[in-house]
N, C-alpha and C. Protein backbone atom coordinates (compact mmCIF):
# COMPACT_ATOMS: atom_id res chain seq x y z
N UNK A 1 0.80 -1.22 0.02
CA UNK A 1 0.09 0.02 0.01
C UNK A 1 0.81 1.30 -0.07
N UNK A 2 1.95 1.26 0.70
CA UNK A 2 2.67 2.32 0.80
C UNK A 2 3.44 2.75 -0.56
N UNK A 3 3.71 1.64 -1.26
CA UNK A 3 4.42 1.71 -2.47
C UNK A 3 3.44 2.53 -3.49
N UNK A 4 2.16 2.28 -3.39
CA UNK A 4 1.17 2.92 -4.27
C UNK A 4 1.14 4.37 -4.08
N UNK A 5 1.66 4.87 -2.90
CA UNK A 5 1.58 6.39 -2.63
C UNK A 5 2.98 6.93 -2.90
N UNK A 6 4.01 6.28 -3.44
CA UNK A 6 5.24 6.83 -3.65
C UNK A 6 5.20 7.54 -4.99
N UNK A 7 5.47 8.65 -5.03
CA UNK A 7 5.53 9.47 -6.39
C UNK A 7 6.43 8.85 -7.33
N UNK A 8 6.00 8.62 -8.56
CA UNK A 8 6.90 8.14 -9.58
C UNK A 8 8.14 9.16 -9.95
N UNK A 9 9.12 8.52 -9.99
CA UNK A 9 10.40 9.34 -10.26
C UNK A 9 10.26 10.17 -11.59
N UNK A 10 9.65 9.61 -12.59
CA UNK A 10 9.68 10.31 -13.80
C UNK A 10 8.62 11.20 -13.95
N UNK A 11 7.67 11.44 -13.12
CA UNK A 11 6.52 12.30 -13.16
C UNK A 11 7.05 13.65 -12.73
N UNK A 12 6.53 14.73 -13.46
CA UNK A 12 6.83 16.02 -13.16
C UNK A 12 5.56 16.88 -13.18
N UNK A 13 5.62 18.14 -12.62
CA UNK A 13 4.56 19.07 -12.68
C UNK A 13 4.95 20.29 -13.57
N UNK A 14 3.76 20.98 -14.14
CA UNK A 14 3.94 22.05 -15.08
C UNK A 14 3.32 23.24 -14.35
N UNK A 15 3.96 24.37 -14.38
CA UNK A 15 3.39 25.58 -13.76
C UNK A 15 3.45 26.79 -14.80
N UNK A 16 2.42 27.50 -14.80
CA UNK A 16 2.60 28.81 -15.58
C UNK A 16 1.38 29.66 -15.17
N UNK A 17 1.54 31.11 -15.67
CA UNK A 17 0.62 32.12 -15.37
C UNK A 17 -0.44 32.23 -16.54
N UNK A 18 -0.35 31.41 -17.48
CA UNK A 18 -1.27 31.52 -18.59
C UNK A 18 -2.14 30.30 -18.62
N UNK A 19 -3.42 30.35 -18.99
CA UNK A 19 -4.29 28.95 -18.98
C UNK A 19 -3.66 28.00 -19.95
N UNK A 20 -2.75 28.44 -20.82
CA UNK A 20 -2.32 27.46 -21.88
C UNK A 20 -1.53 26.36 -21.27
N UNK A 21 -1.02 26.70 -20.12
CA UNK A 21 -0.16 25.66 -19.37
C UNK A 21 -0.94 24.38 -19.05
N UNK A 22 -2.13 24.50 -19.01
CA UNK A 22 -3.02 23.34 -18.59
C UNK A 22 -2.87 22.17 -19.62
N UNK A 23 -2.68 22.55 -20.87
CA UNK A 23 -2.38 21.57 -21.90
C UNK A 23 -1.32 20.70 -21.68
N UNK A 24 -0.33 21.19 -20.91
CA UNK A 24 0.80 20.32 -20.72
C UNK A 24 0.63 19.12 -19.95
N UNK A 25 -0.47 18.97 -19.37
CA UNK A 25 -0.95 17.73 -18.61
C UNK A 25 -1.11 16.55 -19.43
N UNK A 26 -1.39 16.84 -20.72
CA UNK A 26 -1.64 15.77 -21.71
C UNK A 26 -0.30 15.17 -22.13
N UNK A 27 0.75 15.76 -21.80
CA UNK A 27 2.16 14.96 -22.14
C UNK A 27 2.49 14.00 -21.12
N UNK A 28 3.03 13.01 -21.87
CA UNK A 28 3.62 11.89 -20.97
C UNK A 28 4.55 12.36 -19.99
N UNK A 29 4.53 11.85 -18.74
CA UNK A 29 5.46 12.17 -17.70
C UNK A 29 5.14 13.41 -16.86
N UNK A 30 3.90 14.07 -17.33
CA UNK A 30 3.45 15.22 -16.60
C UNK A 30 2.22 14.72 -15.83
N UNK A 31 2.21 14.81 -14.40
CA UNK A 31 0.99 14.38 -13.66
C UNK A 31 0.27 15.43 -13.02
N UNK A 32 0.70 16.77 -13.28
CA UNK A 32 -0.11 17.84 -12.72
C UNK A 32 0.22 19.14 -13.59
N UNK A 33 -0.63 19.76 -14.04
CA UNK A 33 -0.41 21.24 -14.71
C UNK A 33 -1.24 22.23 -13.88
N UNK A 34 -0.53 23.49 -13.52
CA UNK A 34 -1.23 24.22 -12.76
C UNK A 34 -1.03 25.63 -13.34
N UNK A 35 -2.37 26.29 -13.59
CA UNK A 35 -2.51 27.57 -13.98
C UNK A 35 -2.54 28.59 -12.74
N UNK A 36 -1.30 29.25 -12.55
CA UNK A 36 -1.20 30.07 -11.28
C UNK A 36 -1.92 31.40 -11.60
N UNK A 37 -2.98 31.65 -11.01
CA UNK A 37 -3.78 32.90 -11.21
C UNK A 37 -4.25 33.52 -10.05
N UNK A 38 -4.47 34.90 -10.21
CA UNK A 38 -5.05 35.64 -9.12
C UNK A 38 -6.56 35.84 -9.40
N UNK A 39 -7.37 35.47 -8.57
CA UNK A 39 -8.85 35.67 -8.79
C UNK A 39 -9.23 37.10 -8.95
N UNK A 40 -9.97 37.50 -9.77
CA UNK A 40 -10.64 38.78 -9.93
C UNK A 40 -11.18 39.32 -8.62
N UNK A 41 -11.12 40.61 -8.43
CA UNK A 41 -11.73 41.06 -7.07
C UNK A 41 -13.22 40.83 -6.81
N UNK A 42 -13.96 40.80 -7.99
CA UNK A 42 -15.45 40.63 -7.80
C UNK A 42 -15.65 39.05 -7.30
N UNK A 43 -14.79 38.22 -7.79
CA UNK A 43 -14.98 36.82 -7.40
C UNK A 43 -14.42 36.70 -6.01
N UNK A 44 -13.43 37.39 -5.51
CA UNK A 44 -12.93 37.27 -4.18
C UNK A 44 -13.88 37.84 -3.26
N UNK A 45 -14.63 38.93 -3.53
CA UNK A 45 -15.60 39.41 -2.86
C UNK A 45 -16.81 38.45 -2.63
N UNK A 46 -17.22 37.89 -3.78
CA UNK A 46 -18.34 36.99 -3.60
C UNK A 46 -18.08 35.79 -2.80
N UNK A 47 -16.82 35.26 -2.81
CA UNK A 47 -16.41 34.07 -2.04
C UNK A 47 -16.38 34.42 -0.63
N UNK A 48 -15.72 35.65 -0.31
CA UNK A 48 -15.65 36.07 1.18
C UNK A 48 -16.96 36.17 1.66
N UNK A 49 -17.99 36.86 0.90
CA UNK A 49 -19.27 37.04 1.47
C UNK A 49 -19.96 35.58 1.76
N UNK A 50 -19.77 34.85 0.72
CA UNK A 50 -20.38 33.56 0.74
C UNK A 50 -19.88 32.60 1.96
N UNK A 51 -18.64 32.68 2.15
CA UNK A 51 -18.05 31.84 3.36
C UNK A 51 -18.44 32.57 4.64
N UNK A 52 -18.64 33.76 4.73
CA UNK A 52 -18.93 34.34 5.94
C UNK A 52 -20.40 34.02 6.35
N UNK A 53 -21.33 33.62 5.39
CA UNK A 53 -22.62 33.10 5.69
C UNK A 53 -22.60 31.67 6.33
N UNK A 54 -21.49 31.17 6.33
CA UNK A 54 -21.46 29.68 6.90
C UNK A 54 -22.43 28.75 6.11
N UNK A 55 -22.40 28.73 4.83
CA UNK A 55 -23.43 27.99 4.12
C UNK A 55 -23.16 26.56 4.21
N UNK A 56 -24.20 25.78 4.08
CA UNK A 56 -24.16 24.33 3.95
C UNK A 56 -24.25 24.09 2.42
N UNK A 57 -23.15 24.18 1.64
CA UNK A 57 -23.25 24.25 0.18
C UNK A 57 -22.48 22.93 -0.29
N UNK A 58 -23.22 21.98 -0.95
CA UNK A 58 -22.63 20.85 -1.54
C UNK A 58 -23.38 20.47 -2.79
N UNK A 59 -23.01 20.87 -3.85
CA UNK A 59 -23.79 20.78 -5.13
C UNK A 59 -22.98 19.89 -6.17
N UNK A 60 -23.71 19.02 -6.81
CA UNK A 60 -23.16 18.17 -7.90
C UNK A 60 -23.98 18.22 -9.14
N UNK A 61 -23.46 18.37 -10.14
CA UNK A 61 -24.06 18.39 -11.55
C UNK A 61 -23.41 17.55 -12.51
N UNK A 62 -24.12 17.08 -13.47
CA UNK A 62 -23.59 16.47 -14.63
C UNK A 62 -23.83 17.38 -15.79
N UNK A 63 -22.79 17.93 -16.39
CA UNK A 63 -22.98 19.00 -17.36
C UNK A 63 -22.63 18.35 -18.67
N UNK A 64 -23.71 18.51 -19.58
CA UNK A 64 -23.55 17.90 -20.89
C UNK A 64 -23.04 19.12 -21.77
N UNK A 65 -21.66 18.90 -22.27
CA UNK A 65 -21.13 19.99 -23.13
C UNK A 65 -21.36 19.82 -24.61
N UNK A 66 -21.76 20.90 -25.21
CA UNK A 66 -21.83 20.98 -26.67
C UNK A 66 -20.82 21.82 -27.16
N UNK A 67 -20.04 21.23 -28.00
CA UNK A 67 -18.82 22.16 -28.66
C UNK A 67 -19.39 23.22 -29.47
N UNK A 68 -20.74 23.22 -29.95
CA UNK A 68 -21.21 24.30 -30.79
C UNK A 68 -21.96 25.22 -30.04
N UNK A 69 -22.18 24.96 -28.78
CA UNK A 69 -22.75 26.14 -27.88
C UNK A 69 -21.76 27.18 -27.30
N UNK A 70 -22.28 28.22 -26.97
CA UNK A 70 -21.40 29.29 -26.41
C UNK A 70 -20.72 29.05 -25.13
N UNK A 71 -21.74 28.33 -24.27
CA UNK A 71 -21.26 28.17 -22.85
C UNK A 71 -22.23 27.01 -22.30
N UNK A 72 -21.62 26.23 -21.45
CA UNK A 72 -22.34 25.23 -20.79
C UNK A 72 -23.38 25.74 -19.82
N UNK A 73 -24.62 25.08 -19.75
CA UNK A 73 -25.70 25.65 -18.85
C UNK A 73 -25.43 25.35 -17.39
N UNK A 74 -25.18 26.49 -16.59
CA UNK A 74 -25.04 26.33 -15.20
C UNK A 74 -25.98 27.20 -14.40
N UNK A 75 -27.10 27.41 -14.83
CA UNK A 75 -28.04 28.30 -14.31
C UNK A 75 -28.49 28.10 -12.94
N UNK A 76 -28.45 26.72 -12.51
CA UNK A 76 -28.95 26.22 -11.26
C UNK A 76 -27.78 26.31 -10.11
N UNK A 77 -26.62 26.43 -10.63
CA UNK A 77 -25.42 26.23 -9.69
C UNK A 77 -25.28 27.39 -8.79
N UNK A 78 -25.39 26.98 -7.37
CA UNK A 78 -25.42 27.86 -6.30
C UNK A 78 -26.38 29.01 -6.31
N UNK A 79 -27.59 28.66 -6.95
CA UNK A 79 -28.51 29.66 -7.27
C UNK A 79 -29.11 30.30 -6.06
N UNK A 80 -29.15 29.57 -4.96
CA UNK A 80 -29.45 30.27 -3.60
C UNK A 80 -28.84 31.46 -3.29
N UNK A 81 -27.55 31.67 -3.82
CA UNK A 81 -26.77 32.82 -3.56
C UNK A 81 -26.56 33.87 -4.78
N UNK A 82 -27.52 33.82 -5.57
CA UNK A 82 -27.40 34.58 -6.85
C UNK A 82 -27.63 36.04 -6.47
N UNK A 83 -28.17 36.36 -5.35
CA UNK A 83 -28.28 37.81 -5.14
C UNK A 83 -26.99 38.47 -4.39
N UNK A 84 -26.06 37.55 -4.27
CA UNK A 84 -24.83 38.15 -3.56
C UNK A 84 -23.91 38.90 -4.80
N UNK A 85 -23.24 39.99 -4.34
CA UNK A 85 -22.34 40.70 -5.28
C UNK A 85 -21.37 39.80 -5.74
N UNK A 86 -21.03 39.76 -7.05
CA UNK A 86 -20.04 38.89 -7.66
C UNK A 86 -20.46 37.54 -8.08
N UNK A 87 -21.79 37.30 -7.91
CA UNK A 87 -22.25 35.93 -8.36
C UNK A 87 -22.13 35.71 -9.85
N UNK A 88 -22.54 36.67 -10.66
CA UNK A 88 -22.48 36.58 -12.10
C UNK A 88 -20.98 36.26 -12.47
N UNK A 89 -20.02 36.99 -12.06
CA UNK A 89 -18.66 36.78 -12.24
C UNK A 89 -18.16 35.43 -11.78
N UNK A 90 -18.56 34.94 -10.71
CA UNK A 90 -18.16 33.72 -10.24
C UNK A 90 -18.77 32.49 -11.14
N UNK A 91 -20.04 32.65 -11.49
CA UNK A 91 -20.51 31.74 -12.37
C UNK A 91 -19.97 31.70 -13.89
N UNK A 92 -19.58 32.91 -14.29
CA UNK A 92 -18.86 33.03 -15.68
C UNK A 92 -17.52 32.37 -15.60
N UNK A 93 -16.94 32.45 -14.35
CA UNK A 93 -15.47 31.73 -14.16
C UNK A 93 -15.72 30.27 -14.20
N UNK A 94 -16.69 29.68 -13.41
CA UNK A 94 -16.86 28.37 -13.51
C UNK A 94 -17.30 27.85 -14.91
N UNK A 95 -18.14 28.54 -15.51
CA UNK A 95 -18.50 28.17 -16.85
C UNK A 95 -17.36 28.09 -17.87
N UNK A 96 -16.53 29.06 -17.73
CA UNK A 96 -15.28 29.03 -18.55
C UNK A 96 -14.36 27.82 -18.21
N UNK A 97 -14.20 27.54 -16.87
CA UNK A 97 -13.43 26.36 -16.65
C UNK A 97 -14.10 25.21 -17.12
N UNK A 98 -15.35 24.96 -17.09
CA UNK A 98 -15.98 23.69 -17.53
C UNK A 98 -15.83 23.66 -19.08
N UNK A 99 -15.93 24.81 -19.82
CA UNK A 99 -15.71 24.77 -21.20
C UNK A 99 -14.36 24.47 -21.71
N UNK A 100 -13.28 25.04 -20.93
CA UNK A 100 -11.87 24.75 -21.36
C UNK A 100 -11.52 23.34 -20.88
N UNK A 101 -12.05 22.77 -19.84
CA UNK A 101 -11.80 21.40 -19.57
C UNK A 101 -12.40 20.46 -20.45
N UNK A 102 -13.68 20.70 -20.94
CA UNK A 102 -14.31 19.85 -21.97
C UNK A 102 -13.62 20.03 -23.32
N UNK A 103 -13.12 21.14 -23.65
CA UNK A 103 -12.33 21.29 -24.86
C UNK A 103 -11.04 20.60 -24.80
N UNK A 104 -10.28 20.57 -23.79
CA UNK A 104 -9.06 20.11 -23.64
C UNK A 104 -9.14 18.65 -23.90
N UNK A 105 -10.21 17.92 -23.21
CA UNK A 105 -10.34 16.46 -23.20
C UNK A 105 -11.23 15.96 -24.45
N UNK A 106 -11.91 16.95 -25.05
CA UNK A 106 -13.05 16.58 -25.97
C UNK A 106 -14.05 15.77 -25.26
N UNK A 107 -14.52 16.33 -24.01
CA UNK A 107 -15.26 15.54 -23.17
C UNK A 107 -16.78 16.05 -23.57
N UNK A 108 -17.76 15.16 -23.57
CA UNK A 108 -19.06 15.30 -23.76
C UNK A 108 -20.03 15.57 -22.49
N UNK A 109 -19.33 14.91 -21.44
CA UNK A 109 -20.11 15.11 -20.24
C UNK A 109 -19.09 15.38 -19.11
N UNK A 110 -19.34 16.37 -18.33
CA UNK A 110 -18.40 16.66 -17.13
C UNK A 110 -19.17 16.59 -15.84
N UNK A 111 -18.59 16.05 -14.75
CA UNK A 111 -19.05 15.93 -13.57
C UNK A 111 -18.59 17.08 -12.76
N UNK A 112 -19.52 17.91 -12.29
CA UNK A 112 -19.04 19.02 -11.45
C UNK A 112 -19.47 19.04 -10.02
N UNK A 113 -18.57 19.29 -9.16
CA UNK A 113 -18.94 19.45 -7.57
C UNK A 113 -18.41 20.83 -7.16
N UNK A 114 -19.29 21.46 -6.31
CA UNK A 114 -18.97 22.61 -5.78
C UNK A 114 -19.34 22.63 -4.31
N UNK A 115 -18.40 22.68 -3.44
CA UNK A 115 -18.71 22.47 -2.01
C UNK A 115 -17.86 23.55 -1.01
N UNK A 116 -18.61 23.76 0.01
CA UNK A 116 -17.97 24.44 1.02
C UNK A 116 -17.53 23.53 2.22
N UNK A 117 -16.29 23.51 2.63
CA UNK A 117 -15.83 22.44 3.53
C UNK A 117 -15.38 23.08 4.75
N UNK A 118 -15.61 22.53 5.92
CA UNK A 118 -15.22 23.05 7.18
C UNK A 118 -14.23 22.10 7.78
N UNK A 119 -13.94 20.98 7.11
CA UNK A 119 -12.91 20.08 7.64
C UNK A 119 -12.19 19.50 6.31
N UNK A 120 -11.13 18.87 6.56
CA UNK A 120 -10.49 18.25 5.44
C UNK A 120 -11.22 17.07 4.76
N UNK A 121 -11.66 17.13 3.60
CA UNK A 121 -12.42 16.15 2.83
C UNK A 121 -11.60 14.84 2.78
N UNK A 122 -10.34 15.01 2.31
CA UNK A 122 -9.57 13.84 2.17
C UNK A 122 -8.19 14.13 2.87
N UNK A 123 -8.11 14.00 4.20
CA UNK A 123 -6.89 14.45 4.99
C UNK A 123 -5.60 13.50 4.66
N UNK A 124 -5.79 12.25 4.22
CA UNK A 124 -4.62 11.48 3.96
C UNK A 124 -4.09 11.66 2.53
N UNK A 125 -2.84 11.50 2.33
CA UNK A 125 -2.30 11.55 1.08
C UNK A 125 -2.85 10.31 0.27
N UNK A 126 -3.18 10.59 -0.96
CA UNK A 126 -3.74 9.51 -1.82
C UNK A 126 -3.61 10.01 -3.18
N UNK A 127 -4.00 9.05 -4.15
CA UNK A 127 -4.05 9.25 -5.59
C UNK A 127 -5.54 9.00 -5.94
N UNK A 128 -6.02 9.68 -6.90
CA UNK A 128 -7.38 9.67 -7.33
C UNK A 128 -7.46 8.53 -8.40
N UNK A 129 -8.55 7.67 -8.46
CA UNK A 129 -8.82 6.72 -9.37
C UNK A 129 -9.80 7.11 -10.50
N UNK A 130 -9.26 8.19 -11.19
CA UNK A 130 -9.90 8.97 -12.22
C UNK A 130 -8.87 9.23 -13.23
N UNK A 131 -9.47 9.58 -14.50
CA UNK A 131 -8.28 9.99 -15.59
C UNK A 131 -7.73 11.21 -15.27
N UNK A 132 -8.48 12.32 -15.04
CA UNK A 132 -7.96 13.60 -15.01
C UNK A 132 -8.95 14.48 -14.25
N UNK A 133 -8.55 15.09 -13.25
CA UNK A 133 -9.45 15.92 -12.29
C UNK A 133 -8.95 17.35 -12.20
N UNK A 134 -9.81 18.31 -12.47
CA UNK A 134 -9.60 19.59 -12.23
C UNK A 134 -10.08 20.02 -10.89
N UNK A 135 -9.12 20.85 -10.10
CA UNK A 135 -9.61 21.25 -8.86
C UNK A 135 -9.04 22.83 -8.81
N UNK A 136 -9.91 23.51 -8.24
CA UNK A 136 -9.65 24.83 -7.77
C UNK A 136 -10.20 25.33 -6.51
N UNK A 137 -9.51 26.02 -5.71
CA UNK A 137 -9.92 26.37 -4.44
C UNK A 137 -10.22 27.91 -4.46
N UNK A 138 -11.50 28.33 -4.40
CA UNK A 138 -11.90 29.68 -4.63
C UNK A 138 -11.84 30.45 -3.18
N UNK A 139 -11.66 29.71 -2.19
CA UNK A 139 -11.55 30.48 -0.85
C UNK A 139 -10.98 29.41 0.05
N UNK A 140 -10.18 29.99 1.04
CA UNK A 140 -9.55 29.05 2.09
C UNK A 140 -8.16 28.57 1.58
N UNK A 141 -7.48 27.53 2.37
CA UNK A 141 -6.40 26.92 2.11
C UNK A 141 -6.64 25.99 0.76
N UNK A 142 -5.66 25.86 0.00
CA UNK A 142 -5.75 24.99 -1.12
C UNK A 142 -5.14 23.68 -1.02
N UNK A 143 -5.21 22.74 -1.95
CA UNK A 143 -4.75 21.29 -1.77
C UNK A 143 -3.23 21.32 -1.68
N UNK A 144 -2.78 20.15 -1.05
CA UNK A 144 -1.24 19.88 -0.95
C UNK A 144 -0.97 18.76 -1.60
N UNK A 145 0.23 18.63 -2.06
CA UNK A 145 0.75 17.32 -2.86
C UNK A 145 2.23 17.16 -2.38
N UNK A 146 2.61 15.88 -2.71
CA UNK A 146 4.04 15.49 -2.54
C UNK A 146 4.96 15.72 -3.60
N UNK A 147 6.00 16.34 -3.44
CA UNK A 147 7.01 16.66 -4.48
C UNK A 147 8.44 16.06 -3.94
N UNK A 148 8.74 14.95 -4.34
CA UNK A 148 10.06 14.25 -3.92
C UNK A 148 10.08 14.29 -2.26
N UNK A 149 8.92 13.68 -1.76
CA UNK A 149 8.95 13.73 -0.20
C UNK A 149 8.56 14.90 0.50
N UNK A 150 8.53 16.11 -0.38
CA UNK A 150 8.19 17.51 0.41
C UNK A 150 6.68 17.61 0.18
N UNK A 151 6.00 18.32 1.17
CA UNK A 151 4.72 18.65 1.01
C UNK A 151 4.62 20.10 0.37
N UNK A 152 4.04 20.31 -0.72
CA UNK A 152 3.93 21.58 -1.30
C UNK A 152 2.36 21.90 -1.45
N UNK A 153 2.14 23.13 -1.55
CA UNK A 153 0.72 23.54 -1.66
C UNK A 153 0.46 24.46 -2.70
N UNK A 154 -0.85 24.41 -3.22
CA UNK A 154 -1.40 25.17 -4.36
C UNK A 154 -1.67 26.57 -3.65
N UNK A 155 -1.82 27.54 -4.33
CA UNK A 155 -2.44 28.83 -3.88
C UNK A 155 -4.02 28.90 -4.24
N UNK A 156 -4.56 29.66 -3.39
CA UNK A 156 -6.10 29.90 -3.68
C UNK A 156 -6.24 30.66 -4.96
N UNK A 157 -7.06 30.05 -5.73
CA UNK A 157 -7.29 30.70 -7.18
C UNK A 157 -6.50 29.80 -8.23
N UNK A 158 -5.53 29.06 -7.77
CA UNK A 158 -4.86 28.11 -8.77
C UNK A 158 -5.83 27.18 -9.45
N UNK A 159 -5.61 26.86 -10.58
CA UNK A 159 -6.34 25.89 -11.38
C UNK A 159 -5.49 24.79 -11.68
N UNK A 160 -5.81 23.50 -11.07
CA UNK A 160 -4.81 22.48 -11.20
C UNK A 160 -5.48 21.22 -11.93
N UNK A 161 -4.77 20.69 -12.84
CA UNK A 161 -5.25 19.34 -13.53
C UNK A 161 -4.40 18.32 -12.95
N UNK A 162 -5.00 17.36 -12.43
CA UNK A 162 -4.32 16.19 -11.66
C UNK A 162 -4.62 14.96 -12.42
N UNK A 163 -3.57 14.31 -12.79
CA UNK A 163 -3.73 12.95 -13.49
C UNK A 163 -3.97 11.88 -12.51
N UNK A 164 -4.86 11.03 -12.65
CA UNK A 164 -5.15 10.00 -11.73
C UNK A 164 -4.67 8.62 -12.21
N UNK A 165 -4.94 7.51 -11.55
CA UNK A 165 -4.53 6.38 -11.93
C UNK A 165 -5.12 5.71 -13.20
N UNK A 166 -6.32 6.31 -13.54
CA UNK A 166 -6.91 5.77 -14.62
C UNK A 166 -6.60 6.47 -16.11
N UNK A 167 -5.65 7.45 -15.95
CA UNK A 167 -5.31 7.92 -17.23
C UNK A 167 -4.25 6.89 -17.78
N UNK A 168 -4.58 6.60 -19.15
CA UNK A 168 -3.85 5.60 -19.80
C UNK A 168 -2.44 5.91 -19.78
N UNK A 169 -1.47 4.95 -19.33
CA UNK A 169 -0.17 5.27 -19.41
C UNK A 169 0.36 5.87 -18.09
N UNK A 170 -0.42 6.20 -17.12
CA UNK A 170 -0.14 6.96 -15.96
C UNK A 170 -0.34 6.04 -14.64
N UNK A 171 -0.58 4.72 -14.92
CA UNK A 171 -0.63 3.81 -13.77
C UNK A 171 0.55 3.92 -12.97
N UNK A 172 0.30 4.07 -11.62
CA UNK A 172 1.51 4.22 -10.74
C UNK A 172 2.08 5.47 -10.60
N UNK A 173 1.56 6.52 -11.39
CA UNK A 173 2.17 7.77 -11.35
C UNK A 173 1.23 8.91 -11.10
N UNK A 174 0.01 8.57 -10.59
CA UNK A 174 -0.95 9.55 -10.29
C UNK A 174 -0.53 10.54 -9.22
N UNK A 175 -0.86 11.80 -9.18
CA UNK A 175 -0.39 12.80 -8.32
C UNK A 175 -0.86 12.42 -6.91
N UNK A 176 0.11 12.46 -6.12
CA UNK A 176 -0.25 12.16 -4.49
C UNK A 176 -0.58 13.46 -3.83
N UNK A 177 -1.82 13.53 -3.28
CA UNK A 177 -2.24 14.87 -2.75
C UNK A 177 -3.18 14.67 -1.62
N UNK A 178 -3.54 15.63 -0.99
CA UNK A 178 -4.48 15.66 0.03
C UNK A 178 -5.20 16.98 0.37
N UNK A 179 -6.35 17.05 1.06
CA UNK A 179 -6.88 18.15 1.60
C UNK A 179 -6.12 18.82 2.64
N UNK A 180 -6.11 20.03 2.79
CA UNK A 180 -5.36 20.77 3.86
C UNK A 180 -6.20 20.73 5.10
N UNK A 181 -5.35 20.68 6.26
CA UNK A 181 -6.04 20.76 7.50
C UNK A 181 -6.69 22.10 7.64
N UNK A 182 -7.70 22.35 8.36
CA UNK A 182 -8.46 23.56 8.48
C UNK A 182 -8.42 23.89 9.97
N UNK A 183 -8.22 25.07 10.48
CA UNK A 183 -8.28 25.36 11.77
C UNK A 183 -9.83 25.74 12.11
N UNK A 184 -10.06 25.82 13.41
CA UNK A 184 -11.48 26.00 13.79
C UNK A 184 -12.03 27.28 13.26
N UNK A 185 -13.11 27.22 12.51
CA UNK A 185 -13.93 28.40 11.95
C UNK A 185 -13.38 28.66 10.54
N UNK A 186 -12.41 28.00 9.92
CA UNK A 186 -11.95 28.15 8.72
C UNK A 186 -12.76 27.26 7.69
N UNK A 187 -12.89 27.87 6.57
CA UNK A 187 -13.73 27.21 5.42
C UNK A 187 -13.08 27.23 4.12
N UNK A 188 -13.39 26.46 3.20
CA UNK A 188 -12.79 26.36 1.96
C UNK A 188 -14.09 26.28 1.00
N UNK A 189 -13.95 26.95 -0.17
CA UNK A 189 -14.89 26.80 -1.34
C UNK A 189 -14.01 26.16 -2.47
N UNK A 190 -14.37 24.92 -2.81
CA UNK A 190 -13.71 24.14 -3.85
C UNK A 190 -14.46 23.80 -4.99
N UNK A 191 -14.04 23.73 -6.19
CA UNK A 191 -14.65 23.28 -7.32
C UNK A 191 -13.95 22.06 -8.01
N UNK A 192 -14.50 20.92 -8.33
CA UNK A 192 -13.76 19.81 -9.02
C UNK A 192 -14.66 19.51 -10.22
N UNK A 193 -13.88 19.07 -11.18
CA UNK A 193 -14.47 18.68 -12.42
C UNK A 193 -13.89 17.36 -12.76
N UNK A 194 -14.72 16.51 -13.30
CA UNK A 194 -14.35 15.03 -13.76
C UNK A 194 -14.84 14.78 -15.12
N UNK A 195 -13.85 14.17 -15.83
CA UNK A 195 -14.34 13.66 -17.16
C UNK A 195 -15.17 12.41 -17.08
N UNK A 196 -16.34 12.48 -17.55
CA UNK A 196 -17.34 11.47 -17.52
C UNK A 196 -17.62 10.58 -18.76
N UNK A 197 -17.49 11.41 -19.83
CA UNK A 197 -17.78 10.79 -21.30
C UNK A 197 -17.15 11.71 -22.31
């Protein structure tokens, strides 16, 4: 079991300040690509207000993506908070990420999860048994991963594509990661996307 959590020596991660870096995850030997970005102020404001409300938010959607359509339908996502300032900008950002993810993988269906967490969802280091997962933390501490035995952490706002064990040719080289520990009263708002078809 411990061997399964040992990072593969040949695997590497790619980082960049342009969303184009995300395409590097398609290369052999790359098990994570990270778009290092700063969230727009309107989205930061929305997230700050949302988290201050201490919401119980856990939504899951299956989004059918249509390459001929302008944007995937997300009208119902977090609709209970649509009156908060910055909501439209937040939804536009999520919509763009879903579209970019679907385009990169030529995915017809994308599984979307949006959650507010008050504790670590996956506190132990692990690899995902999926082909490729997008994760971004809109508020609170971001995910951690192992890099040559050292624990490293993404920044809030970063968009990461993590290869899992089910990516063809990546068996045994899935990115080893975990949810960060949260102190009392701390919350995270995270978005994950999974390739379903």
